[in-house]
Amino acid sequence: MTWLVTGGAGYIGSHVVRAFGEAGLPAVVVDDLSSGHEAFVPDDVPLVRASILDTDAVLAAMREHAVTGVVHLAGFKYAGVSVQRPLHTYEQNVTGTAHLLRAAAEAGVEAVVFSSSAAVYGTPHTDLVTEATPPAPESPYGESKLIGEWLLRDQARATADAPAPLRHTSLRYFNVVGSGTPDLYDTSPHNLFPLVLDALVAGRTPRINGTDYETPDGTCVRDYVHVADLATSHVAAARALAEGRPLEPVYNLGSGDGVSVRQIMTAMAEVTGIAFEPEEAPRRPGDPARIVASGELAARDLDWRMRHSLTQMVASAWQARQSHP
């Protein structure tokens, strides 16, 4: 069974592709390289440079490589920026997913693992989010991910009696950090870990956006999960779909215990050995105060667990950053 990984040249996608290779599952990557890197794709994995908005190109890739399943990670993922660029966000994440599903239907592809987000929950009125927590996104990004889940649900209903009915699951997670290997690293201009590490390397002081949230230290609290742990559960989800095992429509890949931005800063100073006191800036639009999710269902079905401590997450990111000055 060959899996098409959209966004497979990106930070998370490339780790997923590596995990598929280690599991002996063939993969092909579709990525327009708008934020991904060709060097992140292994030499023995085909790379199709195309946007998921290009239905013909995606369909051709599916047919050429006899694809039978998709891991859909491609998209625009920055919640704060999505507030300023809602139309772009919807085009990439909603229209792009619709085009991908159209190609999958024409190619007879039956299985989709969707990279969703805990941003669908907005600011939950509970200390611990579960899959039963009602979605209430607060940014175009979160809204677009929720719509992506709806598209999968509706397409599965529409194809229930077809020769190749769609089987799917969506994985919701928030801050993905660290590195599984030094040659794969986060190059996002918006994510916290690369922002802090780049600042420290350049001799600048890292910044905290928002210190007046209703949290213990006033800074945002999130689930921070290691990218290699995340990739392992993508493989588990793909295998379950391929084997026809029943899965929930959504899973939270959560830690069950949040970490604040200020705690991240402290760990950064300790791991790097660079002492600093972070600058304090106003909140960013679209950032909820706290999202911490239970990962119990994913632990039951998708081999999900937190295999890395916060210190290990920071250390792996720092090692990768030092390997690529």
C-alpha atoms as a PDB file:
ATOM      1  CA  MET A   1       0.000   0.000   0.000  1.00  0.00           C
ATOM      2  CA  THR A   2       1.551   3.296  -1.128  1.00  0.00           C
ATOM      3  CA  TRP A   3       0.742   6.446   0.844  1.00  0.00           C
ATOM      4  CA  LEU A   4       0.727   9.915  -0.617  1.00  0.00           C
ATOM      5  CA  VAL A   5       1.950  12.456   1.935  1.00  0.00           C
ATOM      6  CA  THR A   6       0.863  15.991   1.084  1.00  0.00           C
ATOM      7  CA  GLY A   7       3.227  18.532   2.570  1.00  0.00           C
ATOM      8  CA  GLY A   8       5.789  15.755   2.947  1.00  0.00           C
ATOM      9  CA  ALA A   9       8.716  18.130   2.399  1.00  0.00           C
ATOM     10  CA  GLY A  10       7.737  20.216   5.402  1.00  0.00           C
ATOM     11  CA  TYR A  11       8.847  19.955   9.005  1.00  0.00           C
ATOM     12  CA  ILE A  12       6.113  17.614  10.229  1.00  0.00           C
ATOM     13  CA  GLY A  13       5.540  15.938   6.872  1.00  0.00           C
ATOM     14  CA  SER A  14       9.185  14.964   6.434  1.00  0.00           C
ATOM     15  CA  HIS A  15       9.184  13.282   9.837  1.00  0.00           C
ATOM     16  CA  VAL A  16       6.040  11.391   8.836  1.00  0.00           C
ATOM     17  CA  VAL A  17       7.696  10.272   5.600  1.00  0.00           C
ATOM     18  CA  ARG A  18      10.734   9.035   7.541  1.00  0.00           C
ATOM     19  CA  ALA A  19       8.468   7.171   9.950  1.00  0.00           C
ATOM     20  CA  PHE A  20       6.688   5.504   7.031  1.00  0.00           C
ATOM     21  CA  GLY A  21      10.032   4.430   5.615  1.00  0.00           C
ATOM     22  CA  GLU A  22      11.149   2.992   8.938  1.00  0.00           C
ATOM     23  CA  ALA A  23       7.861   1.070   9.095  1.00  0.00           C
ATOM     24  CA  GLY A  24       8.405  -0.344   5.603  1.00  0.00           C
ATOM     25  CA  LEU A  25       5.456   1.539   4.103  1.00  0.00           C
ATOM     26  CA  PRO A  26       6.081   3.064   0.639  1.00  0.00           C
ATOM     27  CA  ALA A  27       5.364   6.789   0.296  1.00  0.00           C
ATOM     28  CA  VAL A  28       5.269   9.499  -2.345  1.00  0.00           C
ATOM     29  CA  VAL A  29       5.362  13.205  -1.522  1.00  0.00           C
ATOM     30  CA  VAL A  30       3.281  15.996  -3.057  1.00  0.00           C
ATOM     31  CA  ASP A  31       4.546  19.422  -2.000  1.00  0.00           C
ATOM     32  CA  ASP A  32       4.732  22.798  -3.737  1.00  0.00           C
ATOM     33  CA  LEU A  33       7.810  23.661  -1.632  1.00  0.00           C
ATOM     34  CA  SER A  34       6.273  26.973  -0.572  1.00  0.00           C
ATOM     35  CA  SER A  35       7.469  26.219   2.939  1.00  0.00           C
ATOM     36  CA  GLY A  36       8.942  22.736   2.554  1.00  0.00           C
ATOM     37  CA  HIS A  37      12.432  21.723   1.496  1.00  0.00           C
ATOM     38  CA  GLU A  38      13.379  19.281  -1.229  1.00  0.00           C
ATOM     39  CA  ALA A  39      16.379  18.196   0.861  1.00  0.00           C
ATOM     40  CA  PHE A  40      13.988  16.947   3.567  1.00  0.00           C
ATOM     41  CA  VAL A  41      12.632  14.253   1.234  1.00  0.00           C
ATOM     42  CA  PRO A  42      14.674  11.013   1.178  1.00  0.00           C
ATOM     43  CA  ASP A  43      16.318  10.197  -2.143  1.00  0.00           C
ATOM     44  CA  ASP A  44      14.308   6.986  -2.507  1.00  0.00           C
ATOM     45  CA  VAL A  45      10.942   8.732  -2.022  1.00  0.00           C
ATOM     46  CA  PRO A  46       9.352  10.265  -5.164  1.00  0.00           C
ATOM     47  CA  LEU A  47       8.678  13.996  -4.890  1.00  0.00           C
ATOM     48  CA  VAL A  48       5.936  15.559  -7.013  1.00  0.00           C
ATOM     49  CA  ARG A  49       6.293  19.330  -6.905  1.00  0.00           C
ATOM     50  CA  ALA A  50       2.679  20.481  -7.094  1.00  0.00           C
ATOM     51  CA  SER A  51       0.002  22.266  -5.101  1.00  0.00           C
ATOM     52  CA  ILE A  52      -2.935  20.321  -3.717  1.00  0.00           C
ATOM     53  CA  LEU A  53      -5.048  22.928  -5.515  1.00  0.00           C
ATOM     54  CA  ASP A  54      -3.880  21.323  -8.777  1.00  0.00           C
ATOM     55  CA  THR A  55      -6.308  18.416  -8.947  1.00  0.00           C
ATOM     56  CA  ASP A  56      -4.898  17.083 -12.213  1.00  0.00           C
ATOM     57  CA  ALA A  57      -1.339  16.928 -10.875  1.00  0.00           C
ATOM     58  CA  VAL A  58      -2.422  15.230  -7.653  1.00  0.00           C
ATOM     59  CA  LEU A  59      -4.599  12.750  -9.547  1.00  0.00           C
ATOM     60  CA  ALA A  60      -1.723  11.946 -11.903  1.00  0.00           C
ATOM     61  CA  ALA A  61       0.599  11.320  -8.946  1.00  0.00           C
ATOM     62  CA  MET A  62      -1.953   9.025  -7.327  1.00  0.00           C
ATOM     63  CA  ARG A  63      -2.361   6.988 -10.481  1.00  0.00           C
ATOM     64  CA  GLU A  64       1.332   6.869 -11.390  1.00  0.00           C
ATOM     65  CA  HIS A  65       2.351   5.601  -7.956  1.00  0.00           C
ATOM     66  CA  ALA A  66      -0.717   3.385  -7.332  1.00  0.00           C
ATOM     67  CA  VAL A  67      -1.613   5.364  -4.206  1.00  0.00           C
ATOM     68  CA  THR A  68      -4.197   3.768  -1.940  1.00  0.00           C
ATOM     69  CA  GLY A  69      -4.019   6.128   1.052  1.00  0.00           C
ATOM     70  CA  VAL A  70      -3.288   9.776   1.836  1.00  0.00           C
ATOM     71  CA  VAL A  71      -1.752  11.515   4.816  1.00  0.00           C
ATOM     72  CA  HIS A  72      -2.879  15.104   4.338  1.00  0.00           C
ATOM     73  CA  LEU A  73      -0.540  17.594   6.021  1.00  0.00           C
ATOM     74  CA  ALA A  74      -0.295  20.312   3.374  1.00  0.00           C
ATOM     75  CA  GLY A  75      -1.824  23.637   4.304  1.00  0.00           C
ATOM     76  CA  PHE A  76      -1.379  27.068   5.820  1.00  0.00           C
ATOM     77  CA  LYS A  77      -1.008  26.573   9.556  1.00  0.00           C
ATOM     78  CA  TYR A  78      -0.421  29.904  11.270  1.00  0.00           C
ATOM     79  CA  ALA A  79      -3.365  30.875  13.481  1.00  0.00           C
ATOM     80  CA  GLY A  80      -2.228  34.429  14.158  1.00  0.00           C
ATOM     81  CA  VAL A  81      -1.406  35.185  10.529  1.00  0.00           C
ATOM     82  CA  SER A  82      -4.680  33.645   9.382  1.00  0.00           C
ATOM     83  CA  VAL A  83      -6.522  36.521  11.045  1.00  0.00           C
ATOM     84  CA  GLN A  84      -4.815  38.898   8.594  1.00  0.00           C
ATOM     85  CA  ARG A  85      -5.019  36.461   5.652  1.00  0.00           C
ATOM     86  CA  PRO A  86      -8.364  34.659   5.955  1.00  0.00           C
ATOM     87  CA  LEU A  87      -8.967  34.223   2.226  1.00  0.00           C
ATOM     88  CA  HIS A  88      -5.530  32.717   1.683  1.00  0.00           C
ATOM     89  CA  THR A  89      -6.048  30.424   4.659  1.00  0.00           C
ATOM     90  CA  TYR A  90      -9.398  29.169   3.390  1.00  0.00           C
ATOM     91  CA  GLU A  91      -8.077  28.663  -0.116  1.00  0.00           C
ATOM     92  CA  GLN A  92      -5.138  26.574   1.021  1.00  0.00           C
ATOM     93  CA  ASN A  93      -6.870  24.603   3.757  1.00  0.00           C
ATOM     94  CA  VAL A  94     -10.484  24.278   2.602  1.00  0.00           C
ATOM     95  CA  THR A  95     -10.382  24.543  -1.177  1.00  0.00           C
ATOM     96  CA  GLY A  96      -7.132  22.563  -1.210  1.00  0.00           C
ATOM     97  CA  THR A  97      -8.661  19.741   0.815  1.00  0.00           C
ATOM     98  CA  ALA A  98     -11.718  19.662  -1.449  1.00  0.00           C
ATOM     99  CA  HIS A  99      -9.478  19.359  -4.515  1.00  0.00           C
ATOM    100  CA  LEU A 100      -7.483  16.608  -2.835  1.00  0.00           C
ATOM    101  CA  LEU A 101     -10.610  14.637  -1.992  1.00  0.00           C
ATOM    102  CA  ARG A 102     -11.867  15.028  -5.546  1.00  0.00           C
ATOM    103  CA  ALA A 103      -8.612  13.554  -6.857  1.00  0.00           C
ATOM    104  CA  ALA A 104      -8.775  10.753  -4.280  1.00  0.00           C
ATOM    105  CA  ALA A 105     -12.312   9.854  -5.356  1.00  0.00           C
ATOM    106  CA  GLU A 106     -11.328   9.700  -9.024  1.00  0.00           C
ATOM    107  CA  ALA A 107      -8.258   7.590  -8.213  1.00  0.00           C
ATOM    108  CA  GLY A 108     -10.187   5.196  -5.979  1.00  0.00           C
ATOM    109  CA  VAL A 109      -8.169   6.120  -2.894  1.00  0.00           C
ATOM    110  CA  GLU A 110      -9.991   4.809   0.162  1.00  0.00           C
ATOM    111  CA  ALA A 111      -8.059   6.034   3.218  1.00  0.00           C
ATOM    112  CA  VAL A 112      -7.179   9.515   4.496  1.00  0.00           C
ATOM    113  CA  VAL A 113      -5.339  10.542   7.650  1.00  0.00           C
ATOM    114  CA  PHE A 114      -5.947  14.270   8.106  1.00  0.00           C
ATOM    115  CA  SER A 115      -3.649  16.607   9.992  1.00  0.00           C
ATOM    116  CA  SER A 116      -6.098  18.729  11.948  1.00  0.00           C
ATOM    117  CA  SER A 117      -5.439  20.984  14.914  1.00  0.00           C
ATOM    118  CA  ALA A 118      -6.412  21.668  18.502  1.00  0.00           C
ATOM    119  CA  ALA A 119      -7.136  25.177  17.203  1.00  0.00           C
ATOM    120  CA  VAL A 120     -10.615  23.856  16.363  1.00  0.00           C
ATOM    121  CA  TYR A 121     -11.425  24.106  20.083  1.00  0.00           C
ATOM    122  CA  GLY A 122     -10.760  27.836  20.414  1.00  0.00           C
ATOM    123  CA  THR A 123     -10.629  28.635  24.134  1.00  0.00           C
ATOM    124  CA  PRO A 124     -12.266  25.634  25.807  1.00  0.00           C
ATOM    125  CA  HIS A 125     -14.141  26.128  29.068  1.00  0.00           C
ATOM    126  CA  THR A 126     -12.488  23.088  30.576  1.00  0.00           C
ATOM    127  CA  ASP A 127      -9.039  22.335  31.941  1.00  0.00           C
ATOM    128  CA  LEU A 128      -8.638  19.250  29.779  1.00  0.00           C
ATOM    129  CA  VAL A 129      -9.956  18.978  26.227  1.00  0.00           C
ATOM    130  CA  THR A 130     -11.345  15.666  25.032  1.00  0.00           C
ATOM    131  CA  GLU A 131     -12.747  14.636  21.673  1.00  0.00           C
ATOM    132  CA  ALA A 132     -16.208  15.338  23.104  1.00  0.00           C
ATOM    133  CA  THR A 133     -15.353  18.998  23.771  1.00  0.00           C
ATOM    134  CA  PRO A 134     -17.455  21.128  21.388  1.00  0.00           C
ATOM    135  CA  PRO A 135     -15.362  22.854  18.704  1.00  0.00           C
ATOM    136  CA  ALA A 136     -15.391  26.656  18.850  1.00  0.00           C
ATOM    137  CA  PRO A 137     -12.492  27.933  16.710  1.00  0.00           C
ATOM    138  CA  GLU A 138     -11.378  31.531  17.173  1.00  0.00           C
ATOM    139  CA  SER A 139      -9.264  32.029  14.052  1.00  0.00           C
ATOM    140  CA  PRO A 140      -9.686  31.375  10.326  1.00  0.00           C
ATOM    141  CA  TYR A 141      -7.010  28.714  10.681  1.00  0.00           C
ATOM    142  CA  GLY A 142      -8.984  26.805  13.320  1.00  0.00           C
ATOM    143  CA  GLU A 143     -12.168  27.236  11.312  1.00  0.00           C
ATOM    144  CA  SER A 144     -10.488  25.927   8.157  1.00  0.00           C
ATOM    145  CA  LYS A 145      -9.269  22.806   9.943  1.00  0.00           C
ATOM    146  CA  LEU A 146     -12.733  22.102  11.306  1.00  0.00           C
ATOM    147  CA  ILE A 147     -14.203  22.477   7.830  1.00  0.00           C
ATOM    148  CA  GLY A 148     -11.567  20.031   6.586  1.00  0.00           C
ATOM    149  CA  GLU A 149     -12.884  17.493   9.076  1.00  0.00           C
ATOM    150  CA  TRP A 150     -16.429  18.167   7.854  1.00  0.00           C
ATOM    151  CA  LEU A 151     -15.353  17.598   4.256  1.00  0.00           C
ATOM    152  CA  LEU A 152     -13.971  14.196   5.187  1.00  0.00           C
ATOM    153  CA  ARG A 153     -17.131  13.317   7.126  1.00  0.00           C
ATOM    154  CA  ASP A 154     -19.420  14.346   4.294  1.00  0.00           C
ATOM    155  CA  GLN A 155     -17.356  12.623   1.605  1.00  0.00           C
ATOM    156  CA  ALA A 156     -17.373   9.421   3.667  1.00  0.00           C
ATOM    157  CA  ARG A 157     -21.160   9.599   3.883  1.00  0.00           C
ATOM    158  CA  ALA A 158     -21.470  10.268   0.162  1.00  0.00           C
ATOM    159  CA  THR A 159     -19.274   7.303  -0.763  1.00  0.00           C
ATOM    160  CA  ALA A 160     -20.617   4.861   1.820  1.00  0.00           C
ATOM    161  CA  ASP A 161     -22.169   2.648  -0.881  1.00  0.00           C
ATOM    162  CA  ALA A 162     -19.478   3.233  -3.509  1.00  0.00           C
ATOM    163  CA  PRO A 163     -16.938   0.592  -4.592  1.00  0.00           C
ATOM    164  CA  ALA A 164     -14.244   2.554  -2.701  1.00  0.00           C
ATOM    165  CA  PRO A 165     -15.905   4.165   0.337  1.00  0.00           C
ATOM    166  CA  LEU A 166     -13.770   6.733   2.099  1.00  0.00           C
ATOM    167  CA  ARG A 167     -12.335   5.740   5.480  1.00  0.00           C
ATOM    168  CA  HIS A 168     -10.688   8.488   7.461  1.00  0.00           C
ATOM    169  CA  THR A 169      -9.524   9.886  10.757  1.00  0.00           C
ATOM    170  CA  SER A 170      -8.350  13.335  11.837  1.00  0.00           C
ATOM    171  CA  LEU A 171      -5.517  13.974  14.285  1.00  0.00           C
ATOM    172  CA  ARG A 172      -5.800  17.143  16.340  1.00  0.00           C
ATOM    173  CA  TYR A 173      -2.657  18.607  17.870  1.00  0.00           C
ATOM    174  CA  PHE A 174      -1.222  21.995  18.668  1.00  0.00           C
ATOM    175  CA  ASN A 175       2.452  22.873  19.105  1.00  0.00           C
ATOM    176  CA  VAL A 176       4.750  20.352  17.446  1.00  0.00           C
ATOM    177  CA  VAL A 177       8.382  20.798  18.435  1.00  0.00           C
ATOM    178  CA  GLY A 178      11.790  19.180  18.502  1.00  0.00           C
ATOM    179  CA  SER A 179      13.536  17.131  15.869  1.00  0.00           C
ATOM    180  CA  GLY A 180      13.746  13.401  15.242  1.00  0.00           C
ATOM    181  CA  THR A 181      17.043  13.788  13.431  1.00  0.00           C
ATOM    182  CA  PRO A 182      19.333  16.824  13.034  1.00  0.00           C
ATOM    183  CA  ASP A 183      18.784  17.017   9.262  1.00  0.00           C
ATOM    184  CA  LEU A 184      15.044  17.698   9.740  1.00  0.00           C
ATOM    185  CA  TYR A 185      14.124  20.852  11.591  1.00  0.00           C
ATOM    186  CA  ASP A 186      11.461  23.518  11.965  1.00  0.00           C
ATOM    187  CA  THR A 187      12.083  26.491   9.665  1.00  0.00           C
ATOM    188  CA  SER A 188       8.803  28.271  10.333  1.00  0.00           C
ATOM    189  CA  PRO A 189       9.037  32.056  10.781  1.00  0.00           C
ATOM    190  CA  HIS A 190       6.106  31.911  13.214  1.00  0.00           C
ATOM    191  CA  ASN A 191       6.610  28.905  15.504  1.00  0.00           C
ATOM    192  CA  LEU A 192       7.933  29.486  18.999  1.00  0.00           C
ATOM    193  CA  PHE A 193      10.910  27.108  19.075  1.00  0.00           C
ATOM    194  CA  PRO A 194      12.646  28.338  15.887  1.00  0.00           C
ATOM    195  CA  LEU A 195      11.862  31.940  16.782  1.00  0.00           C
ATOM    196  CA  VAL A 196      13.551  31.589  20.160  1.00  0.00           C
ATOM    197  CA  LEU A 197      16.533  29.630  18.867  1.00  0.00           C
ATOM    198  CA  ASP A 198      17.103  31.985  15.935  1.00  0.00           C
ATOM    199  CA  ALA A 199      17.024  34.948  18.299  1.00  0.00           C
ATOM    200  CA  LEU A 200      19.531  33.368  20.663  1.00  0.00           C
ATOM    201  CA  VAL A 201      21.899  32.433  17.831  1.00  0.00           C
ATOM    202  CA  ALA A 202      21.697  35.992  16.478  1.00  0.00           C
ATOM    203  CA  GLY A 203      22.319  37.515  19.908  1.00  0.00           C
ATOM    204  CA  ARG A 204      18.785  38.907  20.200  1.00  0.00           C
ATOM    205  CA  THR A 205      16.420  38.555  23.135  1.00  0.00           C
ATOM    206  CA  PRO A 206      13.459  36.202  22.581  1.00  0.00           C
ATOM    207  CA  ARG A 207       9.995  37.633  23.018  1.00  0.00           C
ATOM    208  CA  ILE A 208       6.812  36.475  24.745  1.00  0.00           C
ATOM    209  CA  ASN A 209       3.583  37.536  23.050  1.00  0.00           C
ATOM    210  CA  GLY A 210       1.104  38.138  25.823  1.00  0.00           C
ATOM    211  CA  THR A 211       1.782  37.981  29.560  1.00  0.00           C
ATOM    212  CA  ASP A 212      -1.682  38.863  30.846  1.00  0.00           C
ATOM    213  CA  TYR A 213      -3.562  35.637  30.147  1.00  0.00           C
ATOM    214  CA  GLU A 214      -5.544  33.943  32.907  1.00  0.00           C
ATOM    215  CA  THR A 215      -2.896  31.270  33.423  1.00  0.00           C
ATOM    216  CA  PRO A 216      -0.548  30.612  36.363  1.00  0.00           C
ATOM    217  CA  ASP A 217       2.299  32.736  34.962  1.00  0.00           C
ATOM    218  CA  GLY A 218       0.262  34.914  32.577  1.00  0.00           C
ATOM    219  CA  THR A 219       1.558  33.308  29.385  1.00  0.00           C
ATOM    220  CA  CYS A 220      -0.202  30.923  26.999  1.00  0.00           C
ATOM    221  CA  VAL A 221      -0.365  27.276  28.003  1.00  0.00           C
ATOM    222  CA  ARG A 222      -0.239  24.629  25.302  1.00  0.00           C
ATOM    223  CA  ASP A 223       0.402  21.007  24.586  1.00  0.00           C
ATOM    224  CA  TYR A 224       3.930  20.724  23.245  1.00  0.00           C
ATOM    225  CA  VAL A 225       4.484  17.363  21.565  1.00  0.00           C
ATOM    226  CA  HIS A 226       7.598  15.972  19.955  1.00  0.00           C
ATOM    227  CA  VAL A 227       7.446  15.660  16.202  1.00  0.00           C
ATOM    228  CA  ALA A 228       8.775  12.090  16.185  1.00  0.00           C
ATOM    229  CA  ASP A 229       6.042  10.979  18.607  1.00  0.00           C
ATOM    230  CA  LEU A 230       3.503  12.614  16.322  1.00  0.00           C
ATOM    231  CA  ALA A 231       4.900  10.838  13.249  1.00  0.00           C
ATOM    232  CA  THR A 232       4.625   7.460  14.977  1.00  0.00           C
ATOM    233  CA  SER A 233       0.888   7.942  15.491  1.00  0.00           C
ATOM    234  CA  HIS A 234       0.390   8.959  11.849  1.00  0.00           C
ATOM    235  CA  VAL A 235       1.858   5.612  10.858  1.00  0.00           C
ATOM    236  CA  ALA A 236      -0.369   3.819  13.356  1.00  0.00           C
ATOM    237  CA  ALA A 237      -3.445   5.576  11.965  1.00  0.00           C
ATOM    238  CA  ALA A 238      -2.487   4.704   8.392  1.00  0.00           C
ATOM    239  CA  ARG A 239      -1.959   1.066   9.272  1.00  0.00           C
ATOM    240  CA  ALA A 240      -5.299   0.861  11.055  1.00  0.00           C
ATOM    241  CA  LEU A 241      -7.135   2.304   8.050  1.00  0.00           C
ATOM    242  CA  ALA A 242      -5.260   0.011   5.657  1.00  0.00           C
ATOM    243  CA  GLU A 243      -6.224  -3.020   7.732  1.00  0.00           C
ATOM    244  CA  GLY A 244      -9.860  -1.935   7.972  1.00  0.00           C
ATOM    245  CA  ARG A 245      -9.783  -1.534  11.750  1.00  0.00           C
ATOM    246  CA  PRO A 246     -12.368   0.871  13.159  1.00  0.00           C
ATOM    247  CA  LEU A 247     -11.075   4.273  14.213  1.00  0.00           C
ATOM    248  CA  GLU A 248     -12.659   7.303  15.801  1.00  0.00           C
ATOM    249  CA  PRO A 249     -13.323  10.221  13.435  1.00  0.00           C
ATOM    250  CA  VAL A 250     -10.994  12.445  15.494  1.00  0.00           C
ATOM    251  CA  TYR A 251      -8.182  11.957  17.993  1.00  0.00           C
ATOM    252  CA  ASN A 252      -6.395  14.424  20.220  1.00  0.00           C
ATOM    253  CA  LEU A 253      -2.639  13.923  20.242  1.00  0.00           C
ATOM    254  CA  GLY A 254      -2.355  15.708  23.548  1.00  0.00           C
ATOM    255  CA  SER A 255       0.015  15.546  26.478  1.00  0.00           C
ATOM    256  CA  GLY A 256      -2.645  15.821  29.159  1.00  0.00           C
ATOM    257  CA  ASP A 257      -0.415  18.389  30.868  1.00  0.00           C
ATOM    258  CA  GLY A 258       0.301  21.838  29.483  1.00  0.00           C
ATOM    259  CA  VAL A 259       3.487  23.877  29.337  1.00  0.00           C
ATOM    260  CA  SER A 260       3.547  27.664  29.373  1.00  0.00           C
ATOM    261  CA  VAL A 261       5.525  29.895  27.055  1.00  0.00           C
ATOM    262  CA  ARG A 262       7.531  31.162  30.024  1.00  0.00           C
ATOM    263  CA  GLN A 263       8.416  27.589  30.983  1.00  0.00           C
ATOM    264  CA  ILE A 264       9.633  27.077  27.422  1.00  0.00           C
ATOM    265  CA  MET A 265      11.871  30.133  27.768  1.00  0.00           C
ATOM    266  CA  THR A 266      13.354  28.774  30.977  1.00  0.00           C
ATOM    267  CA  ALA A 267      14.080  25.418  29.348  1.00  0.00           C
ATOM    268  CA  MET A 268      15.663  27.182  26.373  1.00  0.00           C
ATOM    269  CA  ALA A 269      18.073  29.058  28.628  1.00  0.00           C
ATOM    270  CA  GLU A 270      18.994  25.912  30.522  1.00  0.00           C
ATOM    271  CA  VAL A 271      19.567  23.732  27.444  1.00  0.00           C
ATOM    272  CA  THR A 272      21.442  26.287  25.356  1.00  0.00           C
ATOM    273  CA  GLY A 273      23.424  27.729  28.241  1.00  0.00           C
ATOM    274  CA  ILE A 274      22.483  31.234  27.078  1.00  0.00           C
ATOM    275  CA  ALA A 275      21.038  33.237  29.952  1.00  0.00           C
ATOM    276  CA  PHE A 276      18.318  35.726  29.018  1.00  0.00           C
ATOM    277  CA  GLU A 277      15.199  37.436  30.294  1.00  0.00           C
ATOM    278  CA  PRO A 278      12.549  37.414  27.550  1.00  0.00           C
ATOM    279  CA  GLU A 279      11.013  40.629  26.258  1.00  0.00           C
ATOM    280  CA  GLU A 280       7.303  41.003  26.852  1.00  0.00           C
ATOM    281  CA  ALA A 281       4.995  42.026  23.987  1.00  0.00           C
ATOM    282  CA  PRO A 282       1.195  42.317  23.563  1.00  0.00           C
ATOM    283  CA  ARG A 283      -0.976  39.338  22.739  1.00  0.00           C
ATOM    284  CA  ARG A 284      -1.305  38.105  19.171  1.00  0.00           C
ATOM    285  CA  PRO A 285      -4.830  37.945  17.723  1.00  0.00           C
ATOM    286  CA  GLY A 286      -6.272  34.446  17.556  1.00  0.00           C
ATOM    287  CA  ASP A 287      -4.222  32.992  20.419  1.00  0.00           C
ATOM    288  CA  PRO A 288      -6.354  31.322  23.135  1.00  0.00           C
ATOM    289  CA  ALA A 289      -5.022  31.341  26.699  1.00  0.00           C
ATOM    290  CA  ARG A 290      -4.913  27.602  27.258  1.00  0.00           C
ATOM    291  CA  ILE A 291      -5.376  24.414  25.276  1.00  0.00           C
ATOM    292  CA  VAL A 292      -4.378  21.141  26.884  1.00  0.00           C
ATOM    293  CA  ALA A 293      -5.798  17.908  25.520  1.00  0.00           C
ATOM    294  CA  SER A 294      -6.193  14.366  26.730  1.00  0.00           C
ATOM    295  CA  GLY A 295      -4.511  11.763  24.556  1.00  0.00           C
ATOM    296  CA  GLU A 296      -6.271   8.745  26.063  1.00  0.00           C
ATOM    297  CA  LEU A 297      -8.160   7.669  22.938  1.00  0.00           C
ATOM    298  CA  ALA A 298      -5.047   8.017  20.780  1.00  0.00           C
ATOM    299  CA  ALA A 299      -3.053   6.030  23.335  1.00  0.00           C
ATOM    300  CA  ARG A 300      -5.650   3.271  23.056  1.00  0.00           C
ATOM    301  CA  ASP A 301      -5.770   3.144  19.245  1.00  0.00           C
ATOM    302  CA  LEU A 302      -2.742   4.919  17.739  1.00  0.00           C
ATOM    303  CA  ASP A 303       0.319   4.041  19.832  1.00  0.00           C
ATOM    304  CA  TRP A 304       0.291   7.596  21.152  1.00  0.00           C
ATOM    305  CA  ARG A 305       2.421   8.559  24.136  1.00  0.00           C
ATOM    306  CA  MET A 306       4.764  11.320  25.176  1.00  0.00           C
ATOM    307  CA  ARG A 307       8.167   9.723  24.714  1.00  0.00           C
ATOM    308  CA  HIS A 308      10.105  12.993  25.144  1.00  0.00           C
ATOM    309  CA  SER A 309      10.345  15.383  28.086  1.00  0.00           C
ATOM    310  CA  LEU A 310      10.347  19.160  27.631  1.00  0.00           C
ATOM    311  CA  THR A 311      14.113  19.198  28.076  1.00  0.00           C
ATOM    312  CA  GLN A 312      14.513  16.520  25.393  1.00  0.00           C
ATOM    313  CA  MET A 313      12.240  18.449  23.039  1.00  0.00           C
ATOM    314  CA  VAL A 314      14.319  21.599  23.450  1.00  0.00           C
ATOM    315  CA  ALA A 315      17.619  19.711  23.247  1.00  0.00           C
ATOM    316  CA  SER A 316      16.693  17.989  19.970  1.00  0.00           C
ATOM    317  CA  ALA A 317      15.582  21.289  18.445  1.00  0.00           C
ATOM    318  CA  TRP A 318      18.789  22.984  19.607  1.00  0.00           C
ATOM    319  CA  GLN A 319      20.941  20.189  18.164  1.00  0.00           C
ATOM    320  CA  ALA A 320      19.203  20.486  14.803  1.00  0.00           C
ATOM    321  CA  ARG A 321      19.516  24.285  14.853  1.00  0.00           C
ATOM    322  CA  GLN A 322      23.245  24.070  15.544  1.00  0.00           C
ATOM    323  CA  SER A 323      23.638  21.610  12.660  1.00  0.00           C
ATOM    324  CA  HIS A 324      22.207  24.202  10.248  1.00  0.00           C
ATOM    325  CA  PRO A 325      23.668  27.632  11.023  1.00  0.00           C
END
